[in-house]
Protein backbone atom coordinates (compact mmCIF):
# COMPACT_ATOMS: atom_id res chain seq x y z
CA MET A 1 -38.71 100.55 46.50
CA PRO A 2 -37.85 97.92 49.05
CA THR A 3 -35.28 94.99 48.01
CA LYS A 4 -37.15 91.89 46.70
CA GLU A 5 -35.99 88.63 48.83
CA LYS A 6 -33.29 86.11 47.20
CA VAL A 7 -34.77 83.21 46.20
CA ASN A 8 -33.40 79.87 44.79
CA ILE A 9 -36.03 78.08 43.54
CA LEU A 10 -37.07 73.93 43.22
CA TRP A 11 -38.67 73.08 40.69
CA PHE A 12 -40.39 69.62 41.30
CA ARG A 13 -41.60 68.05 38.00
CA ASN A 14 -41.23 64.28 38.33
CA GLY A 15 -38.82 63.59 41.05
CA LEU A 16 -41.40 64.15 44.19
CA ARG A 17 -38.58 63.41 47.13
CA LEU A 18 -36.41 64.85 49.37
CA HIS A 19 -34.13 61.72 50.28
CA ASP A 20 -31.70 61.76 47.19
CA ASN A 21 -32.76 64.75 45.19
CA GLU A 22 -29.27 66.39 43.62
CA SER A 23 -31.92 69.58 42.72
CA LEU A 24 -32.65 70.45 46.38
CA LEU A 25 -28.88 70.12 47.52
CA LYS A 26 -27.90 72.70 44.57
CA ALA A 27 -30.89 74.91 45.79
CA THR A 28 -29.91 74.97 49.20
CA LYS A 29 -26.57 75.19 48.79
CA ASP A 30 -26.34 79.37 49.58
CA LYS A 31 -27.77 79.47 52.99
CA SER A 32 -28.07 83.34 52.17
CA HIS A 33 -31.05 82.39 49.59
CA LYS A 34 -34.54 81.67 50.63
CA LEU A 35 -35.79 78.21 48.87
CA LEU A 36 -39.11 77.99 47.28
CA PRO A 37 -40.11 75.15 46.46
CA LEU A 38 -42.38 75.01 43.32
CA PHE A 39 -44.82 72.41 42.02
CA ILE A 40 -46.62 73.73 38.33
CA PHE A 41 -49.95 72.15 36.93
CA ASP A 42 -49.35 73.35 33.39
CA GLY A 43 -51.70 70.99 32.31
CA GLU A 44 -49.68 69.65 29.81
CA THR A 45 -47.01 66.82 31.59
CA PRO A 46 -48.18 63.37 31.28
CA THR A 47 -49.13 63.65 34.63
CA THR A 48 -51.32 66.38 34.91
CA LYS A 49 -52.82 66.00 31.35
CA HIS A 50 -54.32 62.77 31.03
CA CYS A 51 -54.37 60.53 33.53
CA LYS A 52 -57.21 58.37 35.16
CA TYR A 53 -58.19 58.94 39.01
CA ASN A 54 -55.35 57.04 40.37
CA LYS A 55 -52.86 58.45 39.00
CA MET A 56 -54.06 61.63 40.24
CA ALA A 57 -54.54 60.61 43.45
CA PHE A 58 -51.01 59.32 43.90
CA LEU A 59 -49.65 62.38 42.76
CA LEU A 60 -51.72 64.50 45.31
CA GLU A 61 -50.08 62.40 47.48
CA CYS A 62 -46.95 62.88 47.12
CA LEU A 63 -47.51 66.42 46.57
CA GLU A 64 -48.96 66.13 49.91
CA ASP A 65 -46.14 64.01 51.30
CA LEU A 66 -43.56 66.66 49.99
CA ASP A 67 -45.33 69.26 52.00
CA THR A 68 -45.28 67.74 55.34
CA GLN A 69 -41.43 67.21 54.91
CA PHE A 70 -41.36 70.73 54.17
CA TRP A 71 -43.82 71.80 57.03
CA TYR A 72 -41.36 69.58 59.75
CA HIS A 73 -38.68 72.01 58.23
CA GLY A 74 -40.75 74.93 58.73
CA GLY A 75 -41.75 75.32 54.85
CA LYS A 76 -44.34 74.88 52.26
CA LEU A 77 -44.69 73.63 48.99
CA ASN A 78 -45.92 75.88 46.90
CA LEU A 79 -48.36 74.57 44.53
CA VAL A 80 -49.38 76.82 41.27
CA GLU A 81 -51.15 76.67 38.01
CA GLY A 82 -49.70 77.82 35.07
CA ASP A 83 -46.92 78.02 32.34
CA PRO A 84 -43.99 77.76 33.65
CA VAL A 85 -42.41 80.64 32.29
CA GLU A 86 -45.41 82.52 33.26
CA VAL A 87 -45.18 81.61 37.04
CA LEU A 88 -41.57 82.66 36.38
CA ARG A 89 -41.97 85.58 35.44
CA LYS A 90 -45.07 86.52 38.18
CA ILE A 91 -42.85 85.19 40.87
CA SER A 92 -39.99 87.36 39.85
CA LYS A 93 -42.36 90.91 40.56
CA HIS A 94 -42.20 89.65 43.78
CA PHE A 95 -39.10 87.98 44.37
CA SER A 96 -35.16 88.43 43.37
CA ILE A 97 -34.89 84.71 41.82
CA ASP A 98 -30.94 83.65 42.42
CA LYS A 99 -31.23 80.51 40.71
CA LEU A 100 -33.24 77.70 39.40
CA CYS A 101 -33.07 74.09 40.08
CA PHE A 102 -34.89 70.93 38.95
CA ASP A 103 -34.24 67.15 37.35
CA GLN A 104 -33.79 66.85 34.06
CA ASP A 105 -36.49 65.61 31.65
CA CYS A 106 -34.99 64.01 28.60
CA GLU A 107 -38.17 63.01 26.75
CA PRO A 108 -38.29 65.26 23.38
CA ILE A 109 -41.57 66.23 24.21
CA TRP A 110 -40.98 68.49 26.85
CA GLY A 111 -37.73 70.13 25.43
CA GLN A 112 -39.75 73.00 24.28
CA ARG A 113 -41.06 73.87 27.76
CA ASP A 114 -37.45 73.52 29.23
CA ASN A 115 -36.06 75.69 26.31
CA ALA A 116 -38.65 78.85 26.93
CA VAL A 117 -37.93 78.43 30.50
CA LYS A 118 -34.32 78.42 30.11
CA ASN A 119 -34.35 81.44 27.79
CA PHE A 120 -36.61 83.49 30.19
CA CYS A 121 -33.75 82.60 33.05
CA GLY A 122 -31.17 83.86 30.70
CA THR A 123 -32.43 86.55 29.73
CA HIS A 124 -33.77 87.57 33.45
CA ARG A 125 -29.83 86.44 34.63
CA ILE A 126 -31.66 83.53 36.47
CA ILE A 127 -28.87 80.67 36.88
CA VAL A 128 -30.57 77.36 35.72
CA GLU A 129 -28.87 73.96 37.40
CA GLU A 130 -30.28 71.00 35.52
CA SER A 131 -29.76 67.49 37.65
CA ILE A 132 -29.42 64.40 36.23
CA GLY A 133 -32.42 63.14 38.85
CA ALA A 134 -33.29 59.51 39.06
CA THR A 135 -31.03 57.95 36.50
CA LEU A 136 -27.61 56.86 37.12
CA TRP A 137 -26.11 57.95 33.56
CA ASP A 138 -27.43 61.28 32.20
CA PRO A 139 -29.79 60.36 29.49
CA LEU A 140 -28.61 62.95 26.79
CA GLU A 141 -25.04 61.87 27.56
CA ILE A 142 -26.28 58.17 26.03
CA ILE A 143 -28.24 59.70 22.88
CA GLU A 144 -25.34 61.85 22.42
CA ALA A 145 -22.96 58.90 22.68
CA ASN A 146 -25.14 56.73 20.69
CA GLY A 147 -25.02 58.96 17.62
CA GLY A 148 -27.63 61.61 18.14
CA ASN A 149 -30.01 58.23 19.13
CA PRO A 150 -31.41 56.96 21.84
CA PRO A 151 -30.48 53.22 22.36
CA LEU A 152 -33.41 50.79 22.00
CA THR A 153 -31.92 47.76 22.93
CA TYR A 154 -30.32 46.70 26.09
CA SER A 155 -27.42 45.73 24.44
CA GLN A 156 -27.23 49.05 22.65
CA PHE A 157 -27.26 50.42 26.23
CA SER A 158 -24.74 48.21 27.52
CA HIS A 159 -22.32 48.93 24.30
CA VAL A 160 -22.62 52.67 25.16
CA THR A 161 -22.19 52.91 28.89
CA LYS A 162 -19.21 50.81 28.70
CA GLY A 163 -17.65 53.17 26.27
CA ILE A 164 -18.69 56.10 28.83
CA GLY A 165 -17.55 54.60 31.77
CA HIS A 166 -19.02 54.71 35.24
CA PRO A 167 -21.87 56.96 36.29
CA LYS A 168 -20.89 59.94 37.74
């Protein structure tokens, strides 16, 4: 049986950019593994479930731009439809997935999806590297420092961030 090619997956969700992308840096750190950039139309994200034409058109433009940027570097963005766990299961039949990198999506409605993906990765010995993404502070750290609740006012947020210190 031939050896499966080793890949690191960069799962695009909200941060549809290459510049200033910590998840991209993590996914490409090991040069011996191929990068597999991935966007999953799961039908559940706000961008793909209940959006109007303009928002969907903007999403498609962003994905096309990403694909073009990857093309300039000899790659491509892989667009698939389905449940993220099932998508990873299918990919793992063809590749040896070493690492899955993505930007944190701390909204509670995505916790179940992300936990299912992390559980799949844990049972398949896939390293998960989650980056903060487009925020200065880790939103989960802010919530924890505020007693388990998100700050609802700017003054509350400011008070919590002073206690945490400067962004990392």
